[in-house]
Structure formats: C-alpha cells, structure tokens
Amino acid sequence: MNSPTGEIYRVDWLPGTDVLHGTCHCGAEHAAQDPVEMWEWMLGHPEGHEPPGSTS
C-alpha cells in the first residue's frame, strides 16, 4: 500500500497460519493475527515501533 505521502507499507500473510507480517516504510516489522491491529500499528508511525538498529 502506498500512503498519500509516498511511504510504502507491506503486509504479507504467513501461509499455514493466521499471522500477518507487516513491514513499515522505515524498515520496522510487526506480526499480528488481527488486520486492524496491523494497520493501526503501521499508520501510527512512529509510535509503537522503531526502525531496526534504533537505540531509542
């Protein structure tokens, strides 16, 4: 999905499970079974996640 500001969000379904794997435009990753939880996590950027390697 492309956001209005040009960021790219990716959600993959993990076959054989009910798990969604999301990757934010910043490189942070998250797994959830609930699609609403996944999109709230992604669209809540940057609250709730930090890019890999972040020290905050």
N, C-alpha and C. Protein backbone atom coordinates (compact mmCIF):
# COMPACT_ATOMS: atom_id res chain seq x y z
N MET A 1 0.85 -1.17 0.00
CA MET A 1 0.00 0.00 0.00
C MET A 1 0.89 1.24 0.00
N ASN A 2 0.57 2.19 -0.81
CA ASN A 2 1.26 3.48 -0.80
C ASN A 2 0.41 4.46 -0.01
N SER A 3 1.04 5.22 0.85
CA SER A 3 0.32 6.23 1.62
C SER A 3 0.25 7.51 0.78
N PRO A 4 -0.58 8.48 1.20
CA PRO A 4 -0.65 9.75 0.47
C PRO A 4 0.67 10.49 0.45
N THR A 5 1.56 10.21 1.39
CA THR A 5 2.86 10.90 1.43
C THR A 5 3.95 10.11 0.71
N GLY A 6 3.60 8.97 0.10
CA GLY A 6 4.56 8.23 -0.69
C GLY A 6 5.26 7.08 0.01
N GLU A 7 5.00 6.88 1.32
CA GLU A 7 5.62 5.76 2.01
C GLU A 7 4.99 4.46 1.53
N ILE A 8 5.75 3.38 1.56
CA ILE A 8 5.25 2.08 1.14
C ILE A 8 5.16 1.18 2.36
N TYR A 9 3.98 0.56 2.53
CA TYR A 9 3.73 -0.39 3.61
C TYR A 9 3.48 -1.74 2.96
N ARG A 10 3.98 -2.79 3.58
CA ARG A 10 3.79 -4.12 3.02
C ARG A 10 3.25 -5.05 4.10
N VAL A 11 2.22 -5.81 3.75
CA VAL A 11 1.66 -6.82 4.65
C VAL A 11 1.63 -8.13 3.90
N ASP A 12 2.24 -9.14 4.49
CA ASP A 12 2.25 -10.49 3.92
C ASP A 12 1.53 -11.42 4.87
N TRP A 13 0.84 -12.38 4.32
CA TRP A 13 0.22 -13.44 5.11
C TRP A 13 1.21 -14.59 5.17
N LEU A 14 1.42 -15.14 6.36
CA LEU A 14 2.33 -16.27 6.52
C LEU A 14 1.53 -17.55 6.27
N PRO A 15 1.73 -18.22 5.13
CA PRO A 15 0.95 -19.40 4.76
C PRO A 15 0.93 -20.45 5.87
N GLY A 16 -0.24 -21.06 6.03
CA GLY A 16 -0.40 -22.09 7.04
C GLY A 16 -0.66 -21.55 8.44
N THR A 17 -0.78 -20.24 8.56
CA THR A 17 -1.03 -19.60 9.86
C THR A 17 -2.11 -18.55 9.69
N ASP A 18 -2.51 -17.94 10.79
CA ASP A 18 -3.41 -16.78 10.77
C ASP A 18 -2.61 -15.50 10.99
N VAL A 19 -1.31 -15.55 10.78
CA VAL A 19 -0.42 -14.43 11.11
C VAL A 19 -0.16 -13.55 9.89
N LEU A 20 -0.26 -12.25 10.11
CA LEU A 20 0.13 -11.25 9.11
C LEU A 20 1.48 -10.68 9.52
N HIS A 21 2.34 -10.47 8.55
CA HIS A 21 3.66 -9.90 8.80
C HIS A 21 3.73 -8.57 8.07
N GLY A 22 3.89 -7.49 8.83
CA GLY A 22 3.93 -6.17 8.23
C GLY A 22 5.32 -5.58 8.26
N THR A 23 5.64 -4.83 7.20
CA THR A 23 6.89 -4.10 7.12
C THR A 23 6.56 -2.65 6.82
N CYS A 24 7.00 -1.77 7.70
CA CYS A 24 6.77 -0.34 7.55
C CYS A 24 7.79 0.26 6.58
N HIS A 25 7.50 1.44 6.07
CA HIS A 25 8.43 2.12 5.18
C HIS A 25 9.77 2.40 5.85
N CYS A 26 9.80 2.44 7.20
CA CYS A 26 11.04 2.70 7.92
C CYS A 26 11.87 1.44 8.13
N GLY A 27 11.30 0.26 7.78
CA GLY A 27 12.02 -0.99 7.95
C GLY A 27 11.61 -1.77 9.19
N ALA A 28 10.82 -1.15 10.09
CA ALA A 28 10.34 -1.86 11.27
C ALA A 28 9.38 -2.96 10.84
N GLU A 29 9.33 -4.04 11.63
CA GLU A 29 8.48 -5.17 11.31
C GLU A 29 7.59 -5.51 12.49
N HIS A 30 6.43 -6.11 12.19
CA HIS A 30 5.46 -6.46 13.22
C HIS A 30 4.65 -7.64 12.73
N ALA A 31 4.25 -8.52 13.64
CA ALA A 31 3.39 -9.65 13.30
C ALA A 31 2.13 -9.56 14.15
N ALA A 32 0.99 -9.87 13.54
CA ALA A 32 -0.29 -9.84 14.25
C ALA A 32 -1.28 -10.74 13.54
N GLN A 33 -2.26 -11.24 14.29
CA GLN A 33 -3.33 -12.02 13.68
C GLN A 33 -4.49 -11.14 13.27
N ASP A 34 -4.62 -9.99 13.88
CA ASP A 34 -5.73 -9.08 13.62
C ASP A 34 -5.33 -8.02 12.58
N PRO A 35 -6.02 -7.99 11.43
CA PRO A 35 -5.67 -6.98 10.41
C PRO A 35 -5.81 -5.55 10.91
N VAL A 36 -6.80 -5.29 11.77
CA VAL A 36 -6.97 -3.93 12.30
C VAL A 36 -5.76 -3.54 13.14
N GLU A 37 -5.30 -4.46 13.99
CA GLU A 37 -4.10 -4.19 14.80
C GLU A 37 -2.90 -3.88 13.90
N MET A 38 -2.77 -4.65 12.82
CA MET A 38 -1.64 -4.45 11.91
C MET A 38 -1.67 -3.05 11.30
N TRP A 39 -2.82 -2.63 10.78
CA TRP A 39 -2.90 -1.31 10.14
C TRP A 39 -2.78 -0.18 11.14
N GLU A 40 -3.32 -0.36 12.34
CA GLU A 40 -3.14 0.67 13.37
C GLU A 40 -1.66 0.83 13.71
N TRP A 41 -0.94 -0.29 13.79
CA TRP A 41 0.50 -0.24 14.06
C TRP A 41 1.22 0.51 12.95
N MET A 42 0.92 0.16 11.71
CA MET A 42 1.61 0.80 10.59
C MET A 42 1.28 2.29 10.48
N LEU A 43 0.01 2.62 10.56
CA LEU A 43 -0.39 4.01 10.36
C LEU A 43 -0.13 4.88 11.57
N GLY A 44 0.23 4.28 12.72
CA GLY A 44 0.56 5.03 13.93
C GLY A 44 2.01 5.47 13.96
N HIS A 45 2.70 5.36 12.85
CA HIS A 45 4.13 5.67 12.77
C HIS A 45 4.42 7.07 13.30
N PRO A 46 5.42 7.27 14.12
CA PRO A 46 6.38 6.29 14.59
C PRO A 46 6.01 5.68 15.93
N GLU A 47 4.86 6.03 16.51
CA GLU A 47 4.50 5.49 17.82
C GLU A 47 4.31 3.98 17.75
N GLY A 48 4.88 3.27 18.71
CA GLY A 48 4.69 1.84 18.79
C GLY A 48 5.72 1.01 18.06
N HIS A 49 6.61 1.63 17.32
CA HIS A 49 7.67 0.86 16.69
C HIS A 49 8.84 1.75 16.35
N GLU A 50 9.97 1.13 16.30
CA GLU A 50 11.23 1.81 15.97
C GLU A 50 11.91 1.04 14.85
N PRO A 51 12.60 1.71 13.96
CA PRO A 51 13.32 1.01 12.90
C PRO A 51 14.39 0.07 13.48
N PRO A 52 14.72 -1.02 12.77
CA PRO A 52 15.80 -1.89 13.24
C PRO A 52 17.08 -1.09 13.46
N GLY A 53 17.77 -1.39 14.55
CA GLY A 53 19.02 -0.70 14.85
C GLY A 53 18.83 0.58 15.63
N SER A 54 17.59 0.96 15.90
CA SER A 54 17.31 2.18 16.64
C SER A 54 17.73 2.00 18.10
N THR A 55 18.22 3.06 18.70
CA THR A 55 18.64 2.98 20.11
C THR A 55 17.69 3.71 21.03
N SER A 56 16.51 4.16 20.54
CA SER A 56 15.58 4.87 21.42
C SER A 56 14.65 3.96 22.14
